[in-house]
PDB file of N, CA and C in Angstrom:
ATOM      1  N   UNK A   1      79.080 -80.791-113.831  1.00  0.00           N
ATOM      2  CA  UNK A   1      80.229 -81.359-114.518  1.00  0.00           C
ATOM      3  C   UNK A   1      79.834 -81.818-115.925  1.00  0.00           C
ATOM      4  N   UNK A   2      80.648 -81.447-116.882  1.00  0.00           N
ATOM      5  CA  UNK A   2      80.383 -81.844-118.262  1.00  0.00           C
ATOM      6  C   UNK A   2      80.682 -83.315-118.477  1.00  0.00           C
ATOM      7  N   UNK A   3      79.880 -83.934-119.303  1.00  0.00           N
ATOM      8  CA  UNK A   3      80.093 -85.332-119.667  1.00  0.00           C
ATOM      9  C   UNK A   3      80.865 -85.400-120.989  1.00  0.00           C
ATOM     10  N   UNK A   4      81.569 -86.483-121.157  1.00  0.00           N
ATOM     11  CA  UNK A   4      82.333 -86.705-122.392  1.00  0.00           C
ATOM     12  C   UNK A   4      81.419 -87.286-123.461  1.00  0.00           C
ATOM     13  N   UNK A   5      81.574 -86.814-124.686  1.00  0.00           N
ATOM     14  CA  UNK A   5      80.815 -87.339-125.825  1.00  0.00           C
ATOM     15  C   UNK A   5      81.565 -88.536-126.402  1.00  0.00           C
ATOM     16  N   UNK A   6      80.837 -89.638-126.598  1.00  0.00           N
ATOM     17  CA  UNK A   6      81.390 -90.839-127.213  1.00  0.00           C
ATOM     18  C   UNK A   6      80.520 -91.167-128.430  1.00  0.00           C
ATOM     19  N   UNK A   7      81.158 -91.351-129.567  1.00  0.00           N
ATOM     20  CA  UNK A   7      80.457 -91.676-130.805  1.00  0.00           C
ATOM     21  C   UNK A   7      80.585 -93.171-131.083  1.00  0.00           C
ATOM     22  N   UNK A   8      79.474 -93.845-131.355  1.00  0.00           N
ATOM     23  CA  UNK A   8      79.542 -95.238-131.781  1.00  0.00           C
ATOM     24  C   UNK A   8      80.041 -95.267-133.231  1.00  0.00           C
ATOM     25  N   UNK A   9      80.497 -96.424-133.662  1.00  0.00           N
ATOM     26  CA  UNK A   9      80.940 -96.571-135.055  1.00  0.00           C
ATOM     27  C   UNK A   9      79.788 -96.284-136.020  1.00  0.00           C
ATOM     28  N   UNK A  10      78.585 -96.707-135.651  1.00  0.00           N
ATOM     29  CA  UNK A  10      77.414 -96.471-136.497  1.00  0.00           C
ATOM     30  C   UNK A  10      77.157 -94.975-136.634  1.00  0.00           C
ATOM     31  N   UNK A  11      77.242 -94.223-135.537  1.00  0.00           N
ATOM     32  CA  UNK A  11      77.033 -92.773-135.584  1.00  0.00           C
ATOM     33  C   UNK A  11      78.114 -92.088-136.420  1.00  0.00           C
ATOM     34  N   UNK A  12      79.341 -92.546-136.298  1.00  0.00           N
ATOM     35  CA  UNK A  12      80.422 -91.989-137.115  1.00  0.00           C
ATOM     36  C   UNK A  12      80.142 -92.231-138.595  1.00  0.00           C
ATOM     37  N   UNK A  13      79.692 -93.440-138.923  1.00  0.00           N
ATOM     38  CA  UNK A  13      79.337 -93.750-140.316  1.00  0.00           C
ATOM     39  C   UNK A  13      78.177 -92.883-140.790  1.00  0.00           C
ATOM     40  N   UNK A  14      77.174 -92.691-139.915  1.00  0.00           N
ATOM     41  CA  UNK A  14      76.056 -91.808-140.264  1.00  0.00           C
ATOM     42  C   UNK A  14      76.573 -90.416-140.620  1.00  0.00           C
ATOM     43  N   UNK A  15      77.468 -89.892-139.781  1.00  0.00           N
ATOM     44  CA  UNK A  15      78.006 -88.556-140.034  1.00  0.00           C
ATOM     45  C   UNK A  15      78.688 -88.484-141.393  1.00  0.00           C
ATOM     46  N   UNK A  16      79.553 -89.446-141.686  1.00  0.00           N
ATOM     47  CA  UNK A  16      80.292 -89.394-142.947  1.00  0.00           C
ATOM     48  C   UNK A  16      79.373 -89.571-144.150  1.00  0.00           C
ATOM     49  N   UNK A  17      78.346 -90.402-144.023  1.00  0.00           N
ATOM     50  CA  UNK A  17      77.390 -90.572-145.123  1.00  0.00           C
ATOM     51  C   UNK A  17      76.609 -89.279-145.367  1.00  0.00           C
ATOM     52  N   UNK A  18      76.182 -88.624-144.287  1.00  0.00           N
ATOM     53  CA  UNK A  18      75.469 -87.358-144.415  1.00  0.00           C
ATOM     54  C   UNK A  18      76.388 -86.307-145.035  1.00  0.00           C
ATOM     55  N   UNK A  19      77.629 -86.241-144.569  1.00  0.00           N
ATOM     56  CA  UNK A  19      78.583 -85.262-145.100  1.00  0.00           C
ATOM     57  C   UNK A  19      78.829 -85.493-146.589  1.00  0.00           C
ATOM     58  N   UNK A  20      79.001 -86.742-146.989  1.00  0.00           N
ATOM     59  CA  UNK A  20      79.213 -87.054-148.406  1.00  0.00           C
ATOM     60  C   UNK A  20      77.993 -86.667-149.241  1.00  0.00           C
ATOM     61  N   UNK A  21      76.809 -86.962-148.719  1.00  0.00           N
ATOM     62  CA  UNK A  21      75.583 -86.602-149.437  1.00  0.00           C
ATOM     63  C   UNK A  21      75.469 -85.086-149.593  1.00  0.00           C
ATOM     64  N   UNK A  22      75.643 -84.359-148.486  1.00  0.00           N
ATOM     65  CA  UNK A  22      75.518 -82.903-148.545  1.00  0.00           C
ATOM     66  C   UNK A  22      76.557 -82.295-149.477  1.00  0.00           C
ATOM     67  N   UNK A  23      77.775 -82.829-149.444  1.00  0.00           N
ATOM     68  CA  UNK A  23      78.843 -82.316-150.305  1.00  0.00           C
ATOM     69  C   UNK A  23      78.526 -82.547-151.785  1.00  0.00           C
ATOM     70  N   UNK A  24      77.925 -83.694-152.089  1.00  0.00           N
ATOM     71  CA  UNK A  24      77.632 -84.037-153.482  1.00  0.00           C
ATOM     72  C   UNK A  24      76.400 -83.316-154.021  1.00  0.00           C
ATOM     73  N   UNK A  25      75.411 -83.083-153.170  1.00  0.00           N
ATOM     74  CA  UNK A  25      74.114 -82.607-153.648  1.00  0.00           C
ATOM     75  C   UNK A  25      73.799 -81.145-153.345  1.00  0.00           C
ATOM     76  N   UNK A  26      74.524 -80.524-152.430  1.00  0.00           N
ATOM     77  CA  UNK A  26      74.197 -79.180-151.983  1.00  0.00           C
ATOM     78  C   UNK A  26      75.436 -78.296-152.019  1.00  0.00           C
ATOM     79  N   UNK A  27      75.234 -76.976-151.980  1.00  0.00           N
ATOM     80  CA  UNK A  27      76.402 -76.078-151.910  1.00  0.00           C
ATOM     81  C   UNK A  27      77.203 -76.348-150.627  1.00  0.00           C
ATOM     82  N   UNK A  28      78.475 -76.027-150.671  1.00  0.00           N
ATOM     83  CA  UNK A  28      79.372 -76.271-149.531  1.00  0.00           C
ATOM     84  C   UNK A  28      78.855 -75.615-148.249  1.00  0.00           C
ATOM     85  N   UNK A  29      78.168 -74.506-148.407  1.00  0.00           N
ATOM     86  CA  UNK A  29      77.614 -73.775-147.267  1.00  0.00           C
ATOM     87  C   UNK A  29      76.678 -74.663-146.430  1.00  0.00           C
ATOM     88  N   UNK A  30      75.921 -75.531-147.082  1.00  0.00           N
ATOM     89  CA  UNK A  30      74.971 -76.402-146.375  1.00  0.00           C
ATOM     90  C   UNK A  30      75.721 -77.406-145.502  1.00  0.00           C
ATOM     91  N   UNK A  31      76.784 -77.995-146.023  1.00  0.00           N
ATOM     92  CA  UNK A  31      77.603 -78.909-145.237  1.00  0.00           C
ATOM     93  C   UNK A  31      78.225 -78.180-144.046  1.00  0.00           C
ATOM     94  N   UNK A  32      78.744 -76.991-144.270  1.00  0.00           N
ATOM     95  CA  UNK A  32      79.337 -76.214-143.174  1.00  0.00           C
ATOM     96  C   UNK A  32      78.311 -75.897-142.101  1.00  0.00           C
ATOM     97  N   UNK A  33      77.099 -75.536-142.508  1.00  0.00           N
ATOM     98  CA  UNK A  33      76.036 -75.241-141.552  1.00  0.00           C
ATOM     99  C   UNK A  33      75.681 -76.481-140.727  1.00  0.00           C
ATOM    100  N   UNK A  34      75.621 -77.638-141.381  1.00  0.00           N
ATOM    101  CA  UNK A  34      75.327 -78.885-140.673  1.00  0.00           C
ATOM    102  C   UNK A  34      76.412 -79.192-139.648  1.00  0.00           C
ATOM    103  N   UNK A  35      77.670 -79.073-140.063  1.00  0.00           N
ATOM    104  CA  UNK A  35      78.783 -79.357-139.150  1.00  0.00           C
ATOM    105  C   UNK A  35      78.778 -78.413-137.947  1.00  0.00           C
ATOM    106  N   UNK A  36      78.520 -77.135-138.187  1.00  0.00           N
ATOM    107  CA  UNK A  36      78.457 -76.165-137.085  1.00  0.00           C
ATOM    108  C   UNK A  36      77.299 -76.473-136.147  1.00  0.00           C
ATOM    109  N   UNK A  37      76.144 -76.805-136.710  1.00  0.00           N
ATOM    110  CA  UNK A  37      74.968 -77.121-135.895  1.00  0.00           C
ATOM    111  C   UNK A  37      75.222 -78.365-135.050  1.00  0.00           C
ATOM    112  N   UNK A  38      75.883 -79.362-135.626  1.00  0.00           N
ATOM    113  CA  UNK A  38      76.190 -80.586-134.882  1.00  0.00           C
ATOM    114  C   UNK A  38      77.187 -80.302-133.767  1.00  0.00           C
ATOM    115  N   UNK A  39      78.197 -79.492-134.039  1.00  0.00           N
ATOM    116  CA  UNK A  39      79.178 -79.135-133.005  1.00  0.00           C
ATOM    117  C   UNK A  39      78.513 -78.365-131.865  1.00  0.00           C
ATOM    118  N   UNK A  40      77.627 -77.441-132.195  1.00  0.00           N
ATOM    119  CA  UNK A  40      76.918 -76.683-131.161  1.00  0.00           C
ATOM    120  C   UNK A  40      76.013 -77.587-130.330  1.00  0.00           C
ATOM    121  N   UNK A  41      75.317 -78.501-130.993  1.00  0.00           N
ATOM    122  CA  UNK A  41      74.405 -79.391-130.279  1.00  0.00           C
ATOM    123  C   UNK A  41      75.173 -80.324-129.343  1.00  0.00           C
ATOM    124  N   UNK A  42      76.297 -80.872-129.802  1.00  0.00           N
ATOM    125  CA  UNK A  42      77.060 -81.771-128.928  1.00  0.00           C
ATOM    126  C   UNK A  42      77.675 -81.004-127.760  1.00  0.00           C
ATOM    127  N   UNK A  43      78.098 -79.766-127.984  1.00  0.00           N
ATOM    128  CA  UNK A  43      78.619 -78.942-126.892  1.00  0.00           C
ATOM    129  C   UNK A  43      77.519 -78.662-125.865  1.00  0.00           C
ATOM    130  N   UNK A  44      76.324 -78.430-126.344  1.00  0.00           N
ATOM    131  CA  UNK A  44      75.198 -78.191-125.448  1.00  0.00           C
ATOM    132  C   UNK A  44      74.822 -79.461-124.679  1.00  0.00           C
ATOM    133  N   UNK A  45      74.876 -80.606-125.356  1.00  0.00           N
ATOM    134  CA  UNK A  45      74.562 -81.870-124.690  1.00  0.00           C
ATOM    135  C   UNK A  45      75.539 -82.180-123.557  1.00  0.00           C
ATOM    136  N   UNK A  46      76.792 -81.770-123.708  1.00  0.00           N
ATOM    137  CA  UNK A  46      77.778 -81.987-122.641  1.00  0.00           C
ATOM    138  C   UNK A  46      77.325 -81.323-121.348  1.00  0.00           C
ATOM    139  N   UNK A  47      76.714 -80.153-121.467  1.00  0.00           N
ATOM    140  CA  UNK A  47      76.280 -79.393-120.299  1.00  0.00           C
ATOM    141  C   UNK A  47      74.867 -79.769-119.856  1.00  0.00           C
ATOM    142  N   UNK A  48      74.023 -80.107-120.816  1.00  0.00           N
ATOM    143  CA  UNK A  48      72.616 -80.424-120.539  1.00  0.00           C
ATOM    144  C   UNK A  48      72.255 -81.776-121.158  1.00  0.00           C
ATOM    145  N   UNK A  49      72.707 -82.872-120.562  1.00  0.00           N
ATOM    146  CA  UNK A  49      72.514 -84.182-121.185  1.00  0.00           C
ATOM    147  C   UNK A  49      71.052 -84.617-121.349  1.00  0.00           C
ATOM    148  N   UNK A  50      70.152 -84.060-120.563  1.00  0.00           N
ATOM    149  CA  UNK A  50      68.744 -84.437-120.682  1.00  0.00           C
ATOM    150  C   UNK A  50      67.965 -83.485-121.578  1.00  0.00           C
ATOM    151  N   UNK A  51      68.669 -82.764-122.428  1.00  0.00           N
ATOM    152  CA  UNK A  51      68.071 -81.783-123.319  1.00  0.00           C
ATOM    153  C   UNK A  51      67.038 -82.414-124.250  1.00  0.00           C
ATOM    154  N   UNK A  52      67.370 -83.535-124.821  1.00  0.00           N
ATOM    155  CA  UNK A  52      66.471 -84.181-125.774  1.00  0.00           C
ATOM    156  C   UNK A  52      65.308 -84.858-125.079  1.00  0.00           C
ATOM    157  N   UNK A  53      64.340 -85.280-125.882  1.00  0.00           N
ATOM    158  CA  UNK A  53      63.199 -85.975-125.312  1.00  0.00           C
ATOM    159  C   UNK A  53      63.405 -87.475-125.385  1.00  0.00           C
ATOM    160  N   UNK A  54      62.802 -88.206-124.437  1.00  0.00           N
ATOM    161  CA  UNK A  54      62.939 -89.659-124.415  1.00  0.00           C
ATOM    162  C   UNK A  54      62.207 -90.271-125.598  1.00  0.00           C
ATOM    163  N   UNK A  55      62.824 -91.297-126.142  1.00  0.00           N
ATOM    164  CA  UNK A  55      62.194 -92.039-127.221  1.00  0.00           C
ATOM    165  C   UNK A  55      60.961 -92.754-126.674  1.00  0.00           C
ATOM    166  N   UNK A  56      59.873 -92.710-127.429  1.00  0.00           N
ATOM    167  CA  UNK A  56      58.661 -93.408-126.996  1.00  0.00           C
ATOM    168  C   UNK A  56      58.830 -94.921-127.087  1.00  0.00           C
ATOM    169  N   UNK A  57      59.571 -95.349-128.072  1.00  0.00           N
ATOM    170  CA  UNK A  57      59.726 -96.786-128.316  1.00  0.00           C
ATOM    171  C   UNK A  57      60.825 -97.401-127.451  1.00  0.00           C
ATOM    172  N   UNK A  58      61.927 -96.671-127.253  1.00  0.00           N
ATOM    173  CA  UNK A  58      63.068 -97.179-126.501  1.00  0.00           C
ATOM    174  C   UNK A  58      63.444 -96.166-125.429  1.00  0.00           C
ATOM    175  N   UNK A  59      63.034 -96.391-124.207  1.00  0.00           N
ATOM    176  CA  UNK A  59      63.178 -95.381-123.149  1.00  0.00           C
ATOM    177  C   UNK A  59      64.621 -95.094-122.749  1.00  0.00           C
ATOM    178  N   UNK A  60      65.570 -95.962-123.106  1.00  0.00           N
ATOM    179  CA  UNK A  60      66.962 -95.705-122.743  1.00  0.00           C
ATOM    180  C   UNK A  60      67.618 -94.673-123.663  1.00  0.00           C
ATOM    181  N   UNK A  61      66.941 -94.335-124.764  1.00  0.00           N
ATOM    182  CA  UNK A  61      67.484 -93.377-125.728  1.00  0.00           C
ATOM    183  C   UNK A  61      66.755 -92.043-125.647  1.00  0.00           C
ATOM    184  N   UNK A  62      67.483 -90.999-126.018  1.00  0.00           N
ATOM    185  CA  UNK A  62      66.923 -89.657-126.125  1.00  0.00           C
ATOM    186  C   UNK A  62      67.178 -89.156-127.549  1.00  0.00           C
ATOM    187  N   UNK A  63      66.371 -88.208-127.989  1.00  0.00           N
ATOM    188  CA  UNK A  63      66.508 -87.638-129.331  1.00  0.00           C
ATOM    189  C   UNK A  63      66.515 -86.125-129.215  1.00  0.00           C
ATOM    190  N   UNK A  64      67.290 -85.488-130.070  1.00  0.00           N
ATOM    191  CA  UNK A  64      67.266 -84.034-130.159  1.00  0.00           C
ATOM    192  C   UNK A  64      67.593 -83.628-131.593  1.00  0.00           C
ATOM    193  N   UNK A  65      66.963 -82.565-132.038  1.00  0.00           N
ATOM    194  CA  UNK A  65      67.199 -82.075-133.392  1.00  0.00           C
ATOM    195  C   UNK A  65      68.537 -81.358-133.478  1.00  0.00           C
ATOM    196  N   UNK A  66      69.241 -81.596-134.581  1.00  0.00           N
ATOM    197  CA  UNK A  66      70.464 -80.864-134.904  1.00  0.00           C
ATOM    198  C   UNK A  66      70.093 -79.746-135.871  1.00  0.00           C
ATOM    199  N   UNK A  67      69.368 -80.120-136.898  1.00  0.00           N
ATOM    200  CA  UNK A  67      68.776 -79.184-137.848  1.00  0.00           C
ATOM    201  C   UNK A  67      67.334 -79.645-138.031  1.00  0.00           C
ATOM    202  N   UNK A  68      66.601 -78.965-138.856  1.00  0.00           N
ATOM    203  CA  UNK A  68      65.218 -79.429-139.040  1.00  0.00           C
ATOM    204  C   UNK A  68      65.156 -80.748-139.797  1.00  0.00           C
ATOM    205  N   UNK A  69      66.267 -81.164-140.422  1.00  0.00           N
ATOM    206  CA  UNK A  69      66.290 -82.404-141.190  1.00  0.00           C
ATOM    207  C   UNK A  69      66.997 -83.563-140.491  1.00  0.00           C
ATOM    208  N   UNK A  70      67.818 -83.281-139.491  1.00  0.00           N
ATOM    209  CA  UNK A  70      68.605 -84.341-138.849  1.00  0.00           C
ATOM    210  C   UNK A  70      68.480 -84.293-137.338  1.00  0.00           C
ATOM    211  N   UNK A  71      68.459 -85.485-136.736  1.00  0.00           N
ATOM    212  CA  UNK A  71      68.401 -85.599-135.288  1.00  0.00           C
ATOM    213  C   UNK A  71      69.494 -86.536-134.798  1.00  0.00           C
ATOM    214  N   UNK A  72      69.878 -86.331-133.558  1.00  0.00           N
ATOM    215  CA  UNK A  72      70.855 -87.183-132.887  1.00  0.00           C
ATOM    216  C   UNK A  72      70.095 -88.076-131.916  1.00  0.00           C
ATOM    217  N   UNK A  73      70.425 -89.351-131.928  1.00  0.00           N
ATOM    218  CA  UNK A  73      69.866 -90.303-130.974  1.00  0.00           C
ATOM    219  C   UNK A  73      71.006 -90.686-130.046  1.00  0.00           C
ATOM    220  N   UNK A  74      70.797 -90.519-128.743  1.00  0.00           N
ATOM    221  CA  UNK A  74      71.877 -90.711-127.784  1.00  0.00           C
ATOM    222  C   UNK A  74      71.362 -91.299-126.482  1.00  0.00           C
ATOM    223  N   UNK A  75      72.277 -91.752-125.652  1.00  0.00           N
ATOM    224  CA  UNK A  75      71.956 -92.202-124.304  1.00  0.00           C
ATOM    225  C   UNK A  75      72.935 -91.543-123.342  1.00  0.00           C
ATOM    226  N   UNK A  76      72.576 -91.550-122.076  1.00  0.00           N
ATOM    227  CA  UNK A  76      73.373 -90.879-121.053  1.00  0.00           C
ATOM    228  C   UNK A  76      73.779 -91.897-119.993  1.00  0.00           C
ATOM    229  N   UNK A  77      75.079 -91.923-119.673  1.00  0.00           N
ATOM    230  CA  UNK A  77      75.579 -92.726-118.566  1.00  0.00           C
ATOM    231  C   UNK A  77      76.167 -91.768-117.526  1.00  0.00           C
ATOM    232  N   UNK A  78      76.740 -92.303-116.484  1.00  0.00           N
ATOM    233  CA  UNK A  78      77.289 -91.435-115.434  1.00  0.00           C
ATOM    234  C   UNK A  78      78.349 -90.479-115.962  1.00  0.00           C
ATOM    235  N   UNK A  79      79.228 -90.962-116.824  1.00  0.00           N
ATOM    236  CA  UNK A  79      80.335 -90.131-117.294  1.00  0.00           C
ATOM    237  C   UNK A  79      80.254 -89.726-118.761  1.00  0.00           C
ATOM    238  N   UNK A  80      79.349 -90.365-119.536  1.00  0.00           N
ATOM    239  CA  UNK A  80      79.368 -90.170-120.979  1.00  0.00           C
ATOM    240  C   UNK A  80      77.987 -89.860-121.553  1.00  0.00           C
ATOM    241  N   UNK A  81      78.033 -89.228-122.692  1.00  0.00           N
ATOM    242  CA  UNK A  81      76.882 -89.138-123.577  1.00  0.00           C
ATOM    243  C   UNK A  81      77.279 -89.945-124.800  1.00  0.00           C
ATOM    244  N   UNK A  82      76.528 -90.984-125.072  1.00  0.00           N
ATOM    245  CA  UNK A  82      76.863 -91.892-126.168  1.00  0.00           C
ATOM    246  C   UNK A  82      75.943 -91.579-127.342  1.00  0.00           C
ATOM    247  N   UNK A  83      76.535 -91.126-128.430  1.00  0.00           N
ATOM    248  CA  UNK A  83      75.765 -90.834-129.635  1.00  0.00           C
ATOM    249  C   UNK A  83      75.698 -92.116-130.454  1.00  0.00           C
ATOM    250  N   UNK A  84      74.461 -92.599-130.625  1.00  0.00           N
ATOM    251  CA  UNK A  84      74.242 -93.871-131.305  1.00  0.00           C
ATOM    252  C   UNK A  84      73.962 -93.715-132.792  1.00  0.00           C
ATOM    253  N   UNK A  85      73.223 -92.658-133.155  1.00  0.00           N
ATOM    254  CA  UNK A  85      72.849 -92.464-134.554  1.00  0.00           C
ATOM    255  C   UNK A  85      72.674 -90.987-134.858  1.00  0.00           C
ATOM    256  N   UNK A  86      72.829 -90.631-136.116  1.00  0.00           N
ATOM    257  CA  UNK A  86      72.371 -89.357-136.662  1.00  0.00           C
ATOM    258  C   UNK A  86      71.441 -89.758-137.800  1.00  0.00           C
ATOM    259  N   UNK A  87      70.180 -89.390-137.681  1.00  0.00           N
ATOM    260  CA  UNK A  87      69.202 -89.835-138.673  1.00  0.00           C
ATOM    261  C   UNK A  87      68.448 -88.656-139.249  1.00  0.00           C
ATOM    262  N   UNK A  88      68.003 -88.837-140.475  1.00  0.00           N
ATOM    263  CA  UNK A  88      67.123 -87.866-141.101  1.00  0.00           C
ATOM    264  C   UNK A  88      65.782 -87.929-140.360  1.00  0.00           C
ATOM    265  N   UNK A  89      65.144 -86.805-140.201  1.00  0.00           N
ATOM    266  CA  UNK A  89      63.900 -86.771-139.423  1.00  0.00           C
ATOM    267  C   UNK A  89      62.771 -87.552-140.081  1.00  0.00           C
ATOM    268  N   UNK A  90      62.882 -87.837-141.345  1.00  0.00           N
ATOM    269  CA  UNK A  90      61.845 -88.639-142.029  1.00  0.00           C
ATOM    270  C   UNK A  90      62.068 -90.139-141.852  1.00  0.00           C
ATOM    271  N   UNK A  91      63.220 -90.531-141.352  1.00  0.00           N
ATOM    272  CA  UNK A  91      63.503 -91.964-141.124  1.00  0.00           C
ATOM    273  C   UNK A  91      62.933 -92.371-139.786  1.00  0.00           C
ATOM    274  N   UNK A  92      62.615 -93.618-139.665  1.00  0.00           N
ATOM    275  CA  UNK A  92      62.107 -94.142-138.385  1.00  0.00           C
ATOM    276  C   UNK A  92      63.112 -95.041-137.759  1.00  0.00           C
TER     277      UNK A  92
END
C-alpha cells in the first residue's frame, strides 16, 4: 500500500527557495529537471518508503538524493511519509 506524502512548512519553504534560486541563476531547463527529479523521487518513496538511508545523527530520519546537489530528509509513519527538509548536499 502506498503511503501519503506530507510536506512540512519548512520543506515547502526549502522547495520554494531552491526554485527561486534555480530560476534566477540557471537556465529554465535546470529548474524543470529539478522539479521532475523531485516528483519522481516522491512517487518512488510512496512505494518504497525505506529507500533512503538512515541518518547517522538522527535515527528517526532518512535521507535520499533527488539530484546530485539536493537531498530529501524524511521520516516514515504508518500512513505517511513526512518530508522535513530539502537540503543542498554540501549543507549539514
